[in-house]
């Protein structure tokens, strides 16, 4: 699991954990979902600038999971954001 903090909130990227749990390689995921290896690697590491929902849907269909199983978002607490301003 990779945690990426953004503006007080954070994302958890869990694709690598799912792949390990199901004994599926990144190469197999790439081939079965017709997804570029670099895209899969960015989802694993959280080094994304944008996310293609169609790609995410293909990955979820193949892994039989939900988007929230792969990526979770936890927003900043409103009170903490107000303190920063």
N, C-alpha and C. Protein backbone atom coordinates (compact mmCIF):
# COMPACT_ATOMS: atom_id res chain seq x y z
N UNK A 1 0.85 -1.17 0.00
CA UNK A 1 0.00 0.00 0.00
C UNK A 1 0.90 1.24 0.00
N UNK A 2 0.51 2.20 -0.82
CA UNK A 2 1.27 3.44 -0.92
C UNK A 2 0.35 4.59 -0.53
N UNK A 3 0.83 5.44 0.36
CA UNK A 3 0.07 6.61 0.81
C UNK A 3 0.64 7.84 0.14
N UNK A 4 -0.24 8.63 -0.50
CA UNK A 4 0.16 9.86 -1.16
C UNK A 4 -0.66 10.99 -0.56
N UNK A 5 0.02 11.93 0.08
CA UNK A 5 -0.67 13.05 0.72
C UNK A 5 -0.84 14.19 -0.28
N UNK A 6 -2.06 14.74 -0.29
CA UNK A 6 -2.39 15.84 -1.20
C UNK A 6 -3.28 16.84 -0.47
N UNK A 7 -2.79 18.06 -0.30
CA UNK A 7 -3.55 19.17 0.29
C UNK A 7 -4.25 18.79 1.59
N UNK A 8 -3.56 18.12 2.47
CA UNK A 8 -4.11 17.77 3.77
C UNK A 8 -4.81 16.43 3.80
N UNK A 9 -5.31 15.97 2.67
CA UNK A 9 -5.92 14.66 2.57
C UNK A 9 -4.91 13.67 2.02
N UNK A 10 -5.35 12.46 1.78
CA UNK A 10 -4.42 11.50 1.19
C UNK A 10 -5.16 10.39 0.43
N UNK A 11 -4.42 9.77 -0.47
CA UNK A 11 -4.87 8.62 -1.23
C UNK A 11 -4.09 7.40 -0.76
N UNK A 12 -4.75 6.25 -0.79
CA UNK A 12 -4.08 4.97 -0.58
C UNK A 12 -4.18 4.19 -1.88
N UNK A 13 -3.05 3.81 -2.42
CA UNK A 13 -2.99 3.02 -3.65
C UNK A 13 -2.67 1.58 -3.25
N UNK A 14 -3.59 0.65 -3.54
CA UNK A 14 -3.48 -0.71 -3.02
C UNK A 14 -3.39 -1.79 -4.10
N UNK A 15 -3.15 -1.39 -5.34
CA UNK A 15 -3.12 -2.37 -6.42
C UNK A 15 -2.06 -3.44 -6.21
N UNK A 16 -0.89 -3.05 -5.77
CA UNK A 16 0.18 -4.03 -5.57
C UNK A 16 -0.20 -5.08 -4.54
N UNK A 17 -0.89 -4.67 -3.48
CA UNK A 17 -1.34 -5.62 -2.46
C UNK A 17 -2.33 -6.62 -3.05
N UNK A 18 -3.23 -6.13 -3.90
CA UNK A 18 -4.21 -7.01 -4.53
C UNK A 18 -3.51 -8.01 -5.45
N UNK A 19 -2.57 -7.52 -6.24
CA UNK A 19 -1.84 -8.41 -7.15
C UNK A 19 -1.10 -9.50 -6.37
N UNK A 20 -0.44 -9.11 -5.30
CA UNK A 20 0.28 -10.11 -4.48
C UNK A 20 -0.69 -11.11 -3.87
N UNK A 21 -1.81 -10.62 -3.36
CA UNK A 21 -2.81 -11.50 -2.74
C UNK A 21 -3.41 -12.51 -3.70
N UNK A 22 -3.52 -12.13 -4.96
CA UNK A 22 -4.10 -13.01 -5.98
C UNK A 22 -3.02 -13.70 -6.81
N UNK A 23 -1.76 -13.48 -6.47
CA UNK A 23 -0.62 -14.07 -7.19
C UNK A 23 -0.68 -13.77 -8.69
N UNK A 24 -0.93 -12.50 -9.01
CA UNK A 24 -0.99 -12.05 -10.40
C UNK A 24 0.17 -11.08 -10.62
N UNK A 25 0.92 -11.31 -11.68
CA UNK A 25 2.05 -10.44 -11.98
C UNK A 25 1.58 -9.17 -12.68
N UNK A 26 2.41 -8.13 -12.62
CA UNK A 26 2.10 -6.89 -13.34
C UNK A 26 2.05 -7.16 -14.84
N UNK A 27 2.92 -8.04 -15.32
CA UNK A 27 2.92 -8.38 -16.75
C UNK A 27 1.62 -9.06 -17.16
N UNK A 28 1.12 -9.95 -16.35
CA UNK A 28 -0.15 -10.61 -16.68
C UNK A 28 -1.29 -9.59 -16.66
N UNK A 29 -1.31 -8.72 -15.65
CA UNK A 29 -2.34 -7.69 -15.58
C UNK A 29 -2.29 -6.80 -16.82
N UNK A 30 -1.09 -6.45 -17.23
CA UNK A 30 -0.90 -5.62 -18.41
C UNK A 30 -1.51 -6.30 -19.65
N UNK A 31 -1.19 -7.57 -19.83
CA UNK A 31 -1.67 -8.30 -21.00
C UNK A 31 -3.17 -8.55 -20.97
N UNK A 32 -3.68 -8.96 -19.83
CA UNK A 32 -5.10 -9.32 -19.71
C UNK A 32 -6.02 -8.10 -19.79
N UNK A 33 -5.51 -6.93 -19.42
CA UNK A 33 -6.35 -5.72 -19.42
C UNK A 33 -6.00 -4.77 -20.56
N UNK A 34 -5.02 -5.16 -21.36
CA UNK A 34 -4.58 -4.31 -22.47
C UNK A 34 -4.22 -2.91 -21.97
N UNK A 35 -3.43 -2.88 -20.90
CA UNK A 35 -3.03 -1.63 -20.26
C UNK A 35 -1.51 -1.49 -20.31
N UNK A 36 -1.05 -0.31 -20.65
CA UNK A 36 0.39 -0.05 -20.72
C UNK A 36 1.04 -0.30 -19.36
N UNK A 37 2.21 -0.91 -19.38
CA UNK A 37 2.92 -1.23 -18.13
C UNK A 37 3.17 0.02 -17.29
N UNK A 38 3.51 1.13 -17.94
CA UNK A 38 3.78 2.37 -17.20
C UNK A 38 2.55 2.85 -16.45
N UNK A 39 1.38 2.67 -17.02
CA UNK A 39 0.14 3.07 -16.35
C UNK A 39 -0.08 2.22 -15.11
N UNK A 40 0.11 0.93 -15.23
CA UNK A 40 -0.03 0.03 -14.08
C UNK A 40 0.98 0.41 -12.99
N UNK A 41 2.19 0.67 -13.39
CA UNK A 41 3.23 1.05 -12.43
C UNK A 41 2.86 2.35 -11.71
N UNK A 42 2.29 3.31 -12.43
CA UNK A 42 1.90 4.58 -11.80
C UNK A 42 0.75 4.39 -10.82
N UNK A 43 -0.17 3.49 -11.13
CA UNK A 43 -1.26 3.21 -10.18
C UNK A 43 -0.70 2.53 -8.94
N UNK A 44 0.27 1.69 -9.09
CA UNK A 44 0.89 1.01 -7.95
C UNK A 44 1.65 2.00 -7.07
N UNK A 45 2.40 2.90 -7.69
CA UNK A 45 3.25 3.82 -6.93
C UNK A 45 2.55 5.12 -6.52
N UNK A 46 1.37 5.37 -7.09
CA UNK A 46 0.65 6.61 -6.78
C UNK A 46 1.20 7.81 -7.51
N UNK A 47 2.04 7.59 -8.50
CA UNK A 47 2.65 8.70 -9.25
C UNK A 47 1.78 9.05 -10.46
N UNK A 48 0.55 9.47 -10.17
CA UNK A 48 -0.42 9.78 -11.22
C UNK A 48 -0.65 11.28 -11.32
N UNK A 49 -0.93 11.73 -12.53
CA UNK A 49 -1.39 13.10 -12.71
C UNK A 49 -2.86 13.09 -13.06
N UNK A 50 -3.31 12.02 -13.69
CA UNK A 50 -4.73 11.81 -13.97
C UNK A 50 -4.97 10.31 -14.08
N UNK A 51 -6.23 9.93 -14.01
CA UNK A 51 -6.57 8.51 -14.03
C UNK A 51 -7.68 8.27 -15.03
N UNK A 52 -7.47 7.36 -15.94
CA UNK A 52 -8.46 7.00 -16.95
C UNK A 52 -9.43 6.00 -16.33
N UNK A 53 -10.69 6.40 -16.21
CA UNK A 53 -11.69 5.55 -15.56
C UNK A 53 -11.93 4.25 -16.35
N UNK A 54 -11.75 4.30 -17.65
CA UNK A 54 -11.92 3.09 -18.47
C UNK A 54 -10.83 2.07 -18.15
N UNK A 55 -9.60 2.55 -17.99
CA UNK A 55 -8.50 1.66 -17.61
C UNK A 55 -8.78 1.06 -16.23
N UNK A 56 -9.21 1.89 -15.31
CA UNK A 56 -9.50 1.41 -13.96
C UNK A 56 -10.63 0.38 -13.99
N UNK A 57 -11.64 0.60 -14.84
CA UNK A 57 -12.74 -0.37 -14.96
C UNK A 57 -12.24 -1.71 -15.50
N UNK A 58 -11.36 -1.67 -16.50
CA UNK A 58 -10.80 -2.93 -17.04
C UNK A 58 -10.03 -3.69 -15.96
N UNK A 59 -9.25 -2.96 -15.17
CA UNK A 59 -8.48 -3.60 -14.09
C UNK A 59 -9.43 -4.20 -13.05
N UNK A 60 -10.44 -3.44 -12.68
CA UNK A 60 -11.41 -3.94 -11.69
C UNK A 60 -12.15 -5.17 -12.21
N UNK A 61 -12.55 -5.15 -13.49
CA UNK A 61 -13.23 -6.31 -14.06
C UNK A 61 -12.34 -7.55 -14.02
N UNK A 62 -11.08 -7.39 -14.40
CA UNK A 62 -10.16 -8.52 -14.41
C UNK A 62 -9.90 -9.04 -13.00
N UNK A 63 -9.73 -8.14 -12.05
CA UNK A 63 -9.40 -8.54 -10.68
C UNK A 63 -10.65 -8.86 -9.84
N UNK A 64 -11.84 -8.63 -10.42
CA UNK A 64 -13.10 -8.84 -9.72
C UNK A 64 -13.11 -8.05 -8.40
N UNK A 65 -12.90 -6.74 -8.53
CA UNK A 65 -12.88 -5.89 -7.35
C UNK A 65 -13.55 -4.55 -7.67
N UNK A 66 -13.64 -3.70 -6.67
CA UNK A 66 -14.21 -2.36 -6.83
C UNK A 66 -13.08 -1.34 -6.91
N UNK A 67 -13.39 -0.17 -7.42
CA UNK A 67 -12.39 0.90 -7.49
C UNK A 67 -11.84 1.19 -6.10
N UNK A 68 -12.71 1.20 -5.10
CA UNK A 68 -12.27 1.51 -3.73
C UNK A 68 -11.34 0.43 -3.16
N UNK A 69 -11.30 -0.74 -3.78
CA UNK A 69 -10.33 -1.76 -3.37
C UNK A 69 -8.93 -1.39 -3.86
N UNK A 70 -8.87 -0.61 -4.94
CA UNK A 70 -7.59 -0.24 -5.55
C UNK A 70 -7.09 1.12 -5.06
N UNK A 71 -8.02 2.08 -4.98
CA UNK A 71 -7.65 3.44 -4.58
C UNK A 71 -8.69 3.96 -3.59
N UNK A 72 -8.21 4.47 -2.47
CA UNK A 72 -9.08 5.11 -1.48
C UNK A 72 -8.64 6.55 -1.31
N UNK A 73 -9.61 7.44 -1.09
CA UNK A 73 -9.29 8.84 -0.83
C UNK A 73 -9.85 9.24 0.51
N UNK A 74 -9.03 9.90 1.29
CA UNK A 74 -9.42 10.43 2.59
C UNK A 74 -9.23 11.94 2.57
N UNK A 75 -10.32 12.70 2.54
CA UNK A 75 -10.19 14.15 2.44
C UNK A 75 -9.62 14.76 3.71
N UNK A 76 -9.10 15.97 3.54
CA UNK A 76 -8.61 16.72 4.69
C UNK A 76 -9.80 17.06 5.58
N UNK A 77 -9.55 17.10 6.86
CA UNK A 77 -10.61 17.53 7.77
C UNK A 77 -10.82 19.03 7.58
N UNK A 78 -12.07 19.45 7.53
CA UNK A 78 -12.40 20.86 7.30
C UNK A 78 -11.72 21.74 8.33
N UNK A 79 -11.70 21.33 9.57
CA UNK A 79 -11.08 22.15 10.61
C UNK A 79 -9.58 22.33 10.38
N UNK A 80 -8.90 21.31 9.85
CA UNK A 80 -7.47 21.42 9.57
C UNK A 80 -7.22 22.35 8.38
N UNK A 81 -8.09 22.29 7.37
CA UNK A 81 -7.94 23.16 6.20
C UNK A 81 -8.12 24.61 6.62
N UNK A 82 -9.07 24.88 7.50
CA UNK A 82 -9.31 26.24 7.97
C UNK A 82 -8.10 26.80 8.72
N UNK A 83 -7.41 25.96 9.47
CA UNK A 83 -6.22 26.40 10.21
C UNK A 83 -5.10 26.79 9.27
N UNK A 84 -5.00 26.12 8.14
CA UNK A 84 -3.93 26.39 7.18
C UNK A 84 -4.15 27.73 6.50
N UNK A 85 -5.38 28.12 6.25
CA UNK A 85 -5.68 29.38 5.54
C UNK A 85 -5.32 30.58 6.31
